[in-house]
PDB file of all heavy atoms in Angstrom:
ATOM      1  N   THR A   1       4.614  -9.692   5.963  1.00  0.00           N
ATOM      2  CA  THR A   1       4.291  -9.649   7.388  1.00  0.00           C
ATOM      3  C   THR A   1       3.244 -10.701   7.698  1.00  0.00           C
ATOM      4  O   THR A   1       2.687 -11.316   6.790  1.00  0.00           O
ATOM      5  CB  THR A   1       3.734  -8.258   7.795  1.00  0.00           C
ATOM      6  OG1 THR A   1       2.379  -8.142   7.334  1.00  0.00           O
ATOM      7  CG2 THR A   1       4.577  -7.122   7.231  1.00  0.00           C
ATOM      8  N   ARG A   2       2.938 -10.873   8.960  1.00  0.00           N
ATOM      9  CA  ARG A   2       1.893 -11.829   9.355  1.00  0.00           C
ATOM     10  C   ARG A   2       0.506 -11.359   8.933  1.00  0.00           C
ATOM     11  O   ARG A   2      -0.446 -12.137   8.925  1.00  0.00           O
ATOM     12  CB  ARG A   2       1.941 -12.082  10.854  1.00  0.00           C
ATOM     13  CG  ARG A   2       1.561 -10.874  11.677  1.00  0.00           C
ATOM     14  CD  ARG A   2       1.469 -11.142  13.147  1.00  0.00           C
ATOM     15  NE  ARG A   2       2.780 -11.446  13.679  1.00  0.00           N
ATOM     16  CZ  ARG A   2       3.036 -11.711  14.932  1.00  0.00           C
ATOM     17  NH1 ARG A   2       2.068 -11.689  15.814  1.00  0.00           N
ATOM     18  NH2 ARG A   2       4.245 -11.974  15.338  1.00  0.00           N
ATOM     19  N   TYR A   3       0.375 -10.092   8.574  1.00  0.00           N
ATOM     20  CA  TYR A   3      -0.927  -9.520   8.201  1.00  0.00           C
ATOM     21  C   TYR A   3      -1.123  -9.412   6.696  1.00  0.00           C
ATOM     22  O   TYR A   3      -2.204  -9.070   6.231  1.00  0.00           O
ATOM     23  CB  TYR A   3      -1.093  -8.140   8.837  1.00  0.00           C
ATOM     24  CG  TYR A   3      -0.975  -8.189  10.332  1.00  0.00           C
ATOM     25  CD1 TYR A   3       0.170  -7.742  10.967  1.00  0.00           C
ATOM     26  CD2 TYR A   3      -2.000  -8.725  11.109  1.00  0.00           C
ATOM     27  CE1 TYR A   3       0.286  -7.806  12.344  1.00  0.00           C
ATOM     28  CE2 TYR A   3      -1.885  -8.803  12.487  1.00  0.00           C
ATOM     29  CZ  TYR A   3      -0.741  -8.335  13.097  1.00  0.00           C
ATOM     30  OH  TYR A   3      -0.622  -8.411  14.463  1.00  0.00           O
ATOM     31  N   GLY A   4      -0.072  -9.646   5.928  1.00  0.00           N
ATOM     32  CA  GLY A   4      -0.127  -9.528   4.477  1.00  0.00           C
ATOM     33  C   GLY A   4       1.202  -9.016   3.968  1.00  0.00           C
ATOM     34  O   GLY A   4       2.226  -9.100   4.653  1.00  0.00           O
ATOM     35  N   VAL A   5       1.199  -8.470   2.782  1.00  0.00           N
ATOM     36  CA  VAL A   5       2.410  -7.960   2.152  1.00  0.00           C
ATOM     37  C   VAL A   5       2.335  -6.438   2.129  1.00  0.00           C
ATOM     38  O   VAL A   5       1.423  -5.860   1.534  1.00  0.00           O
ATOM     39  CB  VAL A   5       2.569  -8.516   0.721  1.00  0.00           C
ATOM     40  CG1 VAL A   5       3.828  -7.972   0.077  1.00  0.00           C
ATOM     41  CG2 VAL A   5       2.584 -10.038   0.737  1.00  0.00           C
ATOM     42  N   LEU A   6       3.288  -5.806   2.786  1.00  0.00           N
ATOM     43  CA  LEU A   6       3.363  -4.348   2.823  1.00  0.00           C
ATOM     44  C   LEU A   6       4.107  -3.889   1.571  1.00  0.00           C
ATOM     45  O   LEU A   6       5.181  -4.394   1.264  1.00  0.00           O
ATOM     46  CB  LEU A   6       4.093  -3.894   4.078  1.00  0.00           C
ATOM     47  CG  LEU A   6       4.094  -2.401   4.365  1.00  0.00           C
ATOM     48  CD1 LEU A   6       2.683  -1.892   4.622  1.00  0.00           C
ATOM     49  CD2 LEU A   6       4.989  -2.095   5.550  1.00  0.00           C
ATOM     50  N   VAL A   7       3.512  -2.938   0.869  1.00  0.00           N
ATOM     51  CA  VAL A   7       4.065  -2.452  -0.391  1.00  0.00           C
ATOM     52  C   VAL A   7       4.311  -0.955  -0.283  1.00  0.00           C
ATOM     53  O   VAL A   7       3.443  -0.211   0.180  1.00  0.00           O
ATOM     54  CB  VAL A   7       3.096  -2.725  -1.567  1.00  0.00           C
ATOM     55  CG1 VAL A   7       3.669  -2.200  -2.881  1.00  0.00           C
ATOM     56  CG2 VAL A   7       2.755  -4.201  -1.666  1.00  0.00           C
ATOM     57  N   ARG A   8       5.497  -0.531  -0.709  1.00  0.00           N
ATOM     58  CA  ARG A   8       5.779   0.908  -0.837  1.00  0.00           C
ATOM     59  C   ARG A   8       6.108   1.165  -2.287  1.00  0.00           C
ATOM     60  O   ARG A   8       7.008   0.564  -2.853  1.00  0.00           O
ATOM     61  CB  ARG A   8       6.942   1.334   0.063  1.00  0.00           C
ATOM     62  CG  ARG A   8       7.178   2.860   0.032  1.00  0.00           C
ATOM     63  CD  ARG A   8       8.225   3.288   1.045  1.00  0.00           C
ATOM     64  NE  ARG A   8       9.524   2.684   0.823  1.00  0.00           N
ATOM     65  CZ  ARG A   8      10.468   3.207   0.029  1.00  0.00           C
ATOM     66  NH1 ARG A   8      10.276   4.341  -0.604  1.00  0.00           N
ATOM     67  NH2 ARG A   8      11.621   2.570  -0.096  1.00  0.00           N
ATOM     68  N   GLU A   9       5.324   2.064  -2.897  1.00  0.00           N
ATOM     69  CA  GLU A   9       5.586   2.453  -4.277  1.00  0.00           C
ATOM     70  C   GLU A   9       6.404   3.734  -4.299  1.00  0.00           C
ATOM     71  O   GLU A   9       6.424   4.498  -3.333  1.00  0.00           O
ATOM     72  CB  GLU A   9       4.275   2.680  -5.039  1.00  0.00           C
ATOM     73  CG  GLU A   9       3.593   1.409  -5.448  1.00  0.00           C
ATOM     74  CD  GLU A   9       2.465   1.627  -6.446  1.00  0.00           C
ATOM     75  OE1 GLU A   9       2.567   2.528  -7.316  1.00  0.00           O
ATOM     76  OE2 GLU A   9       1.473   0.884  -6.354  1.00  0.00           O
ATOM     77  N   ASP A  10       7.040   3.972  -5.435  1.00  0.00           N
ATOM     78  CA  ASP A  10       7.795   5.205  -5.644  1.00  0.00           C
ATOM     79  C   ASP A  10       6.845   6.387  -5.449  1.00  0.00           C
ATOM     80  O   ASP A  10       5.743   6.400  -5.995  1.00  0.00           O
ATOM     81  CB  ASP A  10       8.370   5.205  -7.052  1.00  0.00           C
ATOM     82  CG  ASP A  10       9.352   6.318  -7.302  1.00  0.00           C
ATOM     83  OD1 ASP A  10       9.492   7.224  -6.451  1.00  0.00           O
ATOM     84  OD2 ASP A  10       9.992   6.302  -8.369  1.00  0.00           O
ATOM     85  N   TYR A  11       7.265   7.349  -4.649  1.00  0.00           N
ATOM     86  CA  TYR A  11       6.421   8.510  -4.361  1.00  0.00           C
ATOM     87  C   TYR A  11       6.380   9.494  -5.522  1.00  0.00           C
ATOM     88  O   TYR A  11       5.434  10.260  -5.666  1.00  0.00           O
ATOM     89  CB  TYR A  11       6.879   9.219  -3.088  1.00  0.00           C
ATOM     90  CG  TYR A  11       8.270   9.800  -3.177  1.00  0.00           C
ATOM     91  CD1 TYR A  11       8.479  11.087  -3.650  1.00  0.00           C
ATOM     92  CD2 TYR A  11       9.381   9.046  -2.805  1.00  0.00           C
ATOM     93  CE1 TYR A  11       9.759  11.607  -3.737  1.00  0.00           C
ATOM     94  CE2 TYR A  11      10.656   9.560  -2.898  1.00  0.00           C
ATOM     95  CZ  TYR A  11      10.838  10.845  -3.365  1.00  0.00           C
ATOM     96  OH  TYR A  11      12.105  11.360  -3.463  1.00  0.00           O
ATOM     97  N   CYS A  12       7.398   9.480  -6.362  1.00  0.00           N
ATOM     98  CA  CYS A  12       7.470  10.425  -7.481  1.00  0.00           C
ATOM     99  C   CYS A  12       6.377  10.102  -8.498  1.00  0.00           C
ATOM    100  O   CYS A  12       6.383   9.029  -9.100  1.00  0.00           O
ATOM    101  CB  CYS A  12       8.852  10.356  -8.123  1.00  0.00           C
ATOM    102  SG  CYS A  12       9.120  11.635  -9.350  1.00  0.00           S
ATOM    103  N   GLY A  13       5.421  11.008  -8.653  1.00  0.00           N
ATOM    104  CA  GLY A  13       4.313  10.807  -9.572  1.00  0.00           C
ATOM    105  C   GLY A  13       3.128  10.071  -8.979  1.00  0.00           C
ATOM    106  O   GLY A  13       2.119   9.881  -9.653  1.00  0.00           O
ATOM    107  N   TYR A  14       3.226   9.645  -7.716  1.00  0.00           N
ATOM    108  CA  TYR A  14       2.113   8.942  -7.072  1.00  0.00           C
ATOM    109  C   TYR A  14       1.015   9.952  -6.732  1.00  0.00           C
ATOM    110  O   TYR A  14       1.313  11.063  -6.301  1.00  0.00           O
ATOM    111  CB  TYR A  14       2.602   8.237  -5.800  1.00  0.00           C
ATOM    112  CG  TYR A  14       1.706   7.115  -5.367  1.00  0.00           C
ATOM    113  CD1 TYR A  14       1.901   5.829  -5.841  1.00  0.00           C
ATOM    114  CD2 TYR A  14       0.643   7.337  -4.508  1.00  0.00           C
ATOM    115  CE1 TYR A  14       1.076   4.789  -5.464  1.00  0.00           C
ATOM    116  CE2 TYR A  14      -0.193   6.307  -4.121  1.00  0.00           C
ATOM    117  CZ  TYR A  14       0.029   5.039  -4.604  1.00  0.00           C
ATOM    118  OH  TYR A  14      -0.798   4.011  -4.235  1.00  0.00           O
ATOM    119  N   PRO A  15      -0.255   9.622  -6.914  1.00  0.00           N
ATOM    120  CA  PRO A  15      -1.339  10.570  -6.613  1.00  0.00           C
ATOM    121  C   PRO A  15      -1.319  11.018  -5.145  1.00  0.00           C
ATOM    122  O   PRO A  15      -1.188  10.194  -4.244  1.00  0.00           O
ATOM    123  CB  PRO A  15      -2.609   9.771  -6.895  1.00  0.00           C
ATOM    124  CG  PRO A  15      -2.185   8.633  -7.756  1.00  0.00           C
ATOM    125  CD  PRO A  15      -0.754   8.354  -7.416  1.00  0.00           C
ATOM    126  N   GLU A  16      -1.435  12.313  -4.917  1.00  0.00           N
ATOM    127  CA  GLU A  16      -1.409  12.853  -3.552  1.00  0.00           C
ATOM    128  C   GLU A  16      -2.629  12.445  -2.734  1.00  0.00           C
ATOM    129  O   GLU A  16      -2.607  12.516  -1.516  1.00  0.00           O
ATOM    130  CB  GLU A  16      -1.303  14.379  -3.595  1.00  0.00           C
ATOM    131  CG  GLU A  16       0.038  14.863  -4.079  1.00  0.00           C
ATOM    132  CD  GLU A  16       0.167  16.370  -4.007  1.00  0.00           C
ATOM    133  OE1 GLU A  16      -0.701  17.044  -3.409  1.00  0.00           O
ATOM    134  OE2 GLU A  16       1.160  16.883  -4.548  1.00  0.00           O
ATOM    135  N   SER A  17      -3.684  12.004  -3.391  1.00  0.00           N
ATOM    136  CA  SER A  17      -4.912  11.632  -2.675  1.00  0.00           C
ATOM    137  C   SER A  17      -4.824  10.261  -2.012  1.00  0.00           C
ATOM    138  O   SER A  17      -5.676   9.919  -1.190  1.00  0.00           O
ATOM    139  CB  SER A  17      -6.096  11.644  -3.643  1.00  0.00           C
ATOM    140  OG  SER A  17      -5.872  10.720  -4.704  1.00  0.00           O
ATOM    141  N   GLU A  18      -3.802   9.467  -2.337  1.00  0.00           N
ATOM    142  CA  GLU A  18      -3.623   8.118  -1.783  1.00  0.00           C
ATOM    143  C   GLU A  18      -2.258   7.988  -1.143  1.00  0.00           C
ATOM    144  O   GLU A  18      -1.299   8.604  -1.591  1.00  0.00           O
ATOM    145  CB  GLU A  18      -3.662   7.069  -2.908  1.00  0.00           C
ATOM    146  CG  GLU A  18      -4.980   6.530  -3.248  1.00  0.00           C
ATOM    147  CD  GLU A  18      -4.884   5.473  -4.356  1.00  0.00           C
ATOM    148  OE1 GLU A  18      -3.814   4.854  -4.566  1.00  0.00           O
ATOM    149  OE2 GLU A  18      -5.895   5.289  -5.019  1.00  0.00           O
ATOM    150  N   SER A  19      -2.173   7.123  -0.155  1.00  0.00           N
ATOM    151  CA  SER A  19      -0.882   6.795   0.430  1.00  0.00           C
ATOM    152  C   SER A  19      -0.153   5.814  -0.475  1.00  0.00           C
ATOM    153  O   SER A  19      -0.763   4.889  -1.020  1.00  0.00           O
ATOM    154  CB  SER A  19      -1.092   6.166   1.809  1.00  0.00           C
ATOM    155  OG  SER A  19       0.137   5.740   2.347  1.00  0.00           O
ATOM    156  N   ASN A  20       1.153   6.010  -0.635  1.00  0.00           N
ATOM    157  CA  ASN A  20       1.955   5.095  -1.449  1.00  0.00           C
ATOM    158  C   ASN A  20       2.469   3.899  -0.642  1.00  0.00           C
ATOM    159  O   ASN A  20       3.258   3.111  -1.137  1.00  0.00           O
ATOM    160  CB  ASN A  20       3.129   5.830  -2.102  1.00  0.00           C
ATOM    161  CG  ASN A  20       4.147   6.336  -1.101  1.00  0.00           C
ATOM    162  OD1 ASN A  20       3.792   6.868  -0.054  1.00  0.00           O
ATOM    163  ND2 ASN A  20       5.422   6.178  -1.420  1.00  0.00           N
ATOM    164  N   LEU A  21       1.992   3.759   0.598  1.00  0.00           N
ATOM    165  CA  LEU A  21       2.321   2.621   1.449  1.00  0.00           C
ATOM    166  C   LEU A  21       1.006   1.914   1.764  1.00  0.00           C
ATOM    167  O   LEU A  21       0.079   2.525   2.305  1.00  0.00           O
ATOM    168  CB  LEU A  21       3.003   3.095   2.735  1.00  0.00           C
ATOM    169  CG  LEU A  21       3.494   2.028   3.697  1.00  0.00           C
ATOM    170  CD1 LEU A  21       4.627   1.198   3.084  1.00  0.00           C
ATOM    171  CD2 LEU A  21       3.958   2.661   4.998  1.00  0.00           C
ATOM    172  N   TYR A  22       0.929   0.624   1.400  1.00  0.00           N
ATOM    173  CA  TYR A  22      -0.335  -0.088   1.564  1.00  0.00           C
ATOM    174  C   TYR A  22      -0.094  -1.575   1.767  1.00  0.00           C
ATOM    175  O   TYR A  22       0.989  -2.091   1.492  1.00  0.00           O
ATOM    176  CB  TYR A  22      -1.263   0.166   0.376  1.00  0.00           C
ATOM    177  CG  TYR A  22      -0.660  -0.129  -0.979  1.00  0.00           C
ATOM    178  CD1 TYR A  22      -0.741  -1.404  -1.541  1.00  0.00           C
ATOM    179  CD2 TYR A  22      -0.018   0.864  -1.710  1.00  0.00           C
ATOM    180  CE1 TYR A  22      -0.198  -1.674  -2.786  1.00  0.00           C
ATOM    181  CE2 TYR A  22       0.529   0.603  -2.966  1.00  0.00           C
ATOM    182  CZ  TYR A  22       0.433  -0.672  -3.498  1.00  0.00           C
ATOM    183  OH  TYR A  22       0.975  -0.941  -4.730  1.00  0.00           O
ATOM    184  N   MET A  23      -1.131  -2.265   2.241  1.00  0.00           N
ATOM    185  CA  MET A  23      -1.064  -3.703   2.511  1.00  0.00           C
ATOM    186  C   MET A  23      -1.972  -4.440   1.528  1.00  0.00           C
ATOM    187  O   MET A  23      -3.097  -4.003   1.274  1.00  0.00           O
ATOM    188  CB  MET A  23      -1.515  -3.996   3.944  1.00  0.00           C
ATOM    189  CG  MET A  23      -1.428  -5.450   4.362  1.00  0.00           C
ATOM    190  SD  MET A  23       0.242  -6.004   4.760  1.00  0.00           S
ATOM    191  CE  MET A  23       0.517  -5.203   6.320  1.00  0.00           C
ATOM    192  N   VAL A  24      -1.458  -5.550   0.992  1.00  0.00           N
ATOM    193  CA  VAL A  24      -2.252  -6.438   0.148  1.00  0.00           C
ATOM    194  C   VAL A  24      -2.203  -7.844   0.731  1.00  0.00           C
ATOM    195  O   VAL A  24      -1.292  -8.182   1.493  1.00  0.00           O
ATOM    196  CB  VAL A  24      -1.756  -6.447  -1.326  1.00  0.00           C
ATOM    197  CG1 VAL A  24      -1.908  -5.074  -1.959  1.00  0.00           C
ATOM    198  CG2 VAL A  24      -0.327  -6.945  -1.441  1.00  0.00           C
ATOM    199  N   ASP A  25      -3.191  -8.676   0.355  1.00  0.00           N
ATOM    200  CA  ASP A  25      -3.154 -10.073   0.791  1.00  0.00           C
ATOM    201  C   ASP A  25      -2.342 -10.889  -0.216  1.00  0.00           C
ATOM    202  O   ASP A  25      -1.778 -10.344  -1.168  1.00  0.00           O
ATOM    203  CB  ASP A  25      -4.571 -10.618   0.994  1.00  0.00           C
ATOM    204  CG  ASP A  25      -5.399 -10.714  -0.275  1.00  0.00           C
ATOM    205  OD1 ASP A  25      -4.832 -10.640  -1.399  1.00  0.00           O
ATOM    206  OD2 ASP A  25      -6.629 -10.869  -0.163  1.00  0.00           O
ATOM    207  N   SER A  26      -2.312 -12.197  -0.032  1.00  0.00           N
ATOM    208  CA  SER A  26      -1.468 -13.055  -0.874  1.00  0.00           C
ATOM    209  C   SER A  26      -1.925 -13.105  -2.330  1.00  0.00           C
ATOM    210  O   SER A  26      -1.158 -13.488  -3.209  1.00  0.00           O
ATOM    211  CB  SER A  26      -1.410 -14.469  -0.295  1.00  0.00           C
ATOM    212  OG  SER A  26      -2.710 -15.011  -0.220  1.00  0.00           O
ATOM    213  N   GLN A  27      -3.158 -12.693  -2.609  1.00  0.00           N
ATOM    214  CA  GLN A  27      -3.651 -12.633  -3.986  1.00  0.00           C
ATOM    215  C   GLN A  27      -3.481 -11.241  -4.598  1.00  0.00           C
ATOM    216  O   GLN A  27      -3.852 -11.006  -5.740  1.00  0.00           O
ATOM    217  CB  GLN A  27      -5.135 -13.019  -4.053  1.00  0.00           C
ATOM    218  CG  GLN A  27      -5.402 -14.506  -3.914  1.00  0.00           C
ATOM    219  CD  GLN A  27      -5.256 -14.974  -2.471  1.00  0.00           C
ATOM    220  OE1 GLN A  27      -5.734 -14.346  -1.543  1.00  0.00           O
ATOM    221  NE2 GLN A  27      -4.569 -16.092  -2.292  1.00  0.00           N
ATOM    222  N   GLY A  28      -2.944 -10.297  -3.816  1.00  0.00           N
ATOM    223  CA  GLY A  28      -2.741  -8.943  -4.310  1.00  0.00           C
ATOM    224  C   GLY A  28      -3.916  -8.009  -4.086  1.00  0.00           C
ATOM    225  O   GLY A  28      -3.908  -6.872  -4.546  1.00  0.00           O
ATOM    226  N   THR A  29      -4.919  -8.466  -3.346  1.00  0.00           N
ATOM    227  CA  THR A  29      -6.092  -7.636  -3.054  1.00  0.00           C
ATOM    228  C   THR A  29      -5.733  -6.602  -1.993  1.00  0.00           C
ATOM    229  O   THR A  29      -5.151  -6.942  -0.957  1.00  0.00           O
ATOM    230  CB  THR A  29      -7.259  -8.514  -2.554  1.00  0.00           C
ATOM    231  OG1 THR A  29      -7.536  -9.506  -3.548  1.00  0.00           O
ATOM    232  CG2 THR A  29      -8.497  -7.685  -2.288  1.00  0.00           C
ATOM    233  N   LEU A  30      -6.087  -5.364  -2.238  1.00  0.00           N
ATOM    234  CA  LEU A  30      -5.795  -4.268  -1.311  1.00  0.00           C
ATOM    235  C   LEU A  30      -6.538  -4.471   0.011  1.00  0.00           C
ATOM    236  O   LEU A  30      -7.750  -4.696   0.019  1.00  0.00           O
ATOM    237  CB  LEU A  30      -6.212  -2.932  -1.938  1.00  0.00           C
ATOM    238  CG  LEU A  30      -5.987  -1.701  -1.087  1.00  0.00           C
ATOM    239  CD1 LEU A  30      -4.502  -1.411  -0.907  1.00  0.00           C
ATOM    240  CD2 LEU A  30      -6.691  -0.501  -1.706  1.00  0.00           C
ATOM    241  N   LEU A  31      -5.802  -4.383   1.129  1.00  0.00           N
ATOM    242  CA  LEU A  31      -6.404  -4.484   2.461  1.00  0.00           C
ATOM    243  C   LEU A  31      -6.560  -3.108   3.092  1.00  0.00           C
ATOM    244  O   LEU A  31      -7.573  -2.827   3.722  1.00  0.00           O
ATOM    245  CB  LEU A  31      -5.551  -5.383   3.359  1.00  0.00           C
ATOM    246  CG  LEU A  31      -5.378  -6.821   2.871  1.00  0.00           C
ATOM    247  CD1 LEU A  31      -4.411  -7.579   3.764  1.00  0.00           C
ATOM    248  CD2 LEU A  31      -6.737  -7.520   2.815  1.00  0.00           C
ATOM    249  N   TRP A  32      -5.540  -2.260   2.973  1.00  0.00           N
ATOM    250  CA  TRP A  32      -5.608  -0.895   3.490  1.00  0.00           C
ATOM    251  C   TRP A  32      -4.507  -0.024   2.911  1.00  0.00           C
ATOM    252  O   TRP A  32      -3.513  -0.527   2.413  1.00  0.00           O
ATOM    253  CB  TRP A  32      -5.567  -0.845   5.020  1.00  0.00           C
ATOM    254  CG  TRP A  32      -4.479  -1.602   5.737  1.00  0.00           C
ATOM    255  CD1 TRP A  32      -4.624  -2.755   6.439  1.00  0.00           C
ATOM    256  CD2 TRP A  32      -3.076  -1.247   5.861  1.00  0.00           C
ATOM    257  NE1 TRP A  32      -3.412  -3.153   6.963  1.00  0.00           N
ATOM    258  CE2 TRP A  32      -2.443  -2.235   6.634  1.00  0.00           C
ATOM    259  CE3 TRP A  32      -2.295  -0.196   5.388  1.00  0.00           C
ATOM    260  CZ2 TRP A  32      -1.094  -2.207   6.942  1.00  0.00           C
ATOM    261  CZ3 TRP A  32      -0.937  -0.160   5.690  1.00  0.00           C
ATOM    262  CH2 TRP A  32      -0.360  -1.158   6.465  1.00  0.00           C
ATOM    263  N   PHE A  33      -4.744   1.297   2.973  1.00  0.00           N
ATOM    264  CA  PHE A  33      -3.720   2.306   2.707  1.00  0.00           C
ATOM    265  C   PHE A  33      -3.266   2.827   4.055  1.00  0.00           C
ATOM    266  O   PHE A  33      -4.091   3.042   4.957  1.00  0.00           O
ATOM    267  CB  PHE A  33      -4.282   3.492   1.911  1.00  0.00           C
ATOM    268  CG  PHE A  33      -4.552   3.203   0.473  1.00  0.00           C
ATOM    269  CD1 PHE A  33      -5.852   3.040   0.022  1.00  0.00           C
ATOM    270  CD2 PHE A  33      -3.515   3.112  -0.443  1.00  0.00           C
ATOM    271  CE1 PHE A  33      -6.109   2.792  -1.309  1.00  0.00           C
ATOM    272  CE2 PHE A  33      -3.762   2.858  -1.777  1.00  0.00           C
ATOM    273  CZ  PHE A  33      -5.069   2.702  -2.214  1.00  0.00           C
ATOM    274  N   SER A  34      -1.988   3.098   4.200  1.00  0.00           N
ATOM    275  CA  SER A  34      -1.470   3.655   5.442  1.00  0.00           C
ATOM    276  C   SER A  34      -1.935   5.102   5.611  1.00  0.00           C
ATOM    277  O   SER A  34      -1.948   5.880   4.657  1.00  0.00           O
ATOM    278  CB  SER A  34       0.046   3.612   5.425  1.00  0.00           C
ATOM    279  OG  SER A  34       0.553   4.234   6.579  1.00  0.00           O
ATOM    280  N   GLU A  35      -2.294   5.428   6.842  1.00  0.00           N
ATOM    281  CA  GLU A  35      -2.570   6.829   7.148  1.00  0.00           C
ATOM    282  C   GLU A  35      -1.267   7.615   7.041  1.00  0.00           C
ATOM    283  O   GLU A  35      -0.176   7.058   7.186  1.00  0.00           O
ATOM    284  CB  GLU A  35      -3.115   6.967   8.574  1.00  0.00           C
ATOM    285  CG  GLU A  35      -4.536   6.549   8.712  1.00  0.00           C
ATOM    286  CD  GLU A  35      -5.091   6.846  10.100  1.00  0.00           C
ATOM    287  OE1 GLU A  35      -4.326   6.812  11.086  1.00  0.00           O
ATOM    288  OE2 GLU A  35      -6.293   7.087  10.185  1.00  0.00           O
ATOM    289  N   ARG A  36      -1.405   8.901   6.796  1.00  0.00           N
ATOM    290  CA  ARG A  36      -0.233   9.780   6.703  1.00  0.00           C
ATOM    291  C   ARG A  36      -0.356  10.877   7.748  1.00  0.00           C
ATOM    292  O   ARG A  36      -1.449  11.201   8.193  1.00  0.00           O
ATOM    293  CB  ARG A  36      -0.158  10.390   5.301  1.00  0.00           C
ATOM    294  CG  ARG A  36      -0.031   9.322   4.226  1.00  0.00           C
ATOM    295  CD  ARG A  36      -0.176   9.865   2.849  1.00  0.00           C
ATOM    296  NE  ARG A  36      -1.572  10.246   2.610  1.00  0.00           N
ATOM    297  CZ  ARG A  36      -2.013  10.827   1.511  1.00  0.00           C
ATOM    298  NH1 ARG A  36      -1.192  11.111   0.535  1.00  0.00           N
ATOM    299  NH2 ARG A  36      -3.286  11.128   1.369  1.00  0.00           N
TER     300      ARG A  36
END
C-alpha cells in the first residue's frame, strides 16, 4: 500500500494478545497492529 506493506499471518496458533494483521515499512519494521 502507499502506507507500507500490510501483512496477514495465519491465525492458527497466533497469540491472542496481538492482531495477526499488521503494517510494516519497506525494511520490515513494524508500524502498527490492526485493531480488532
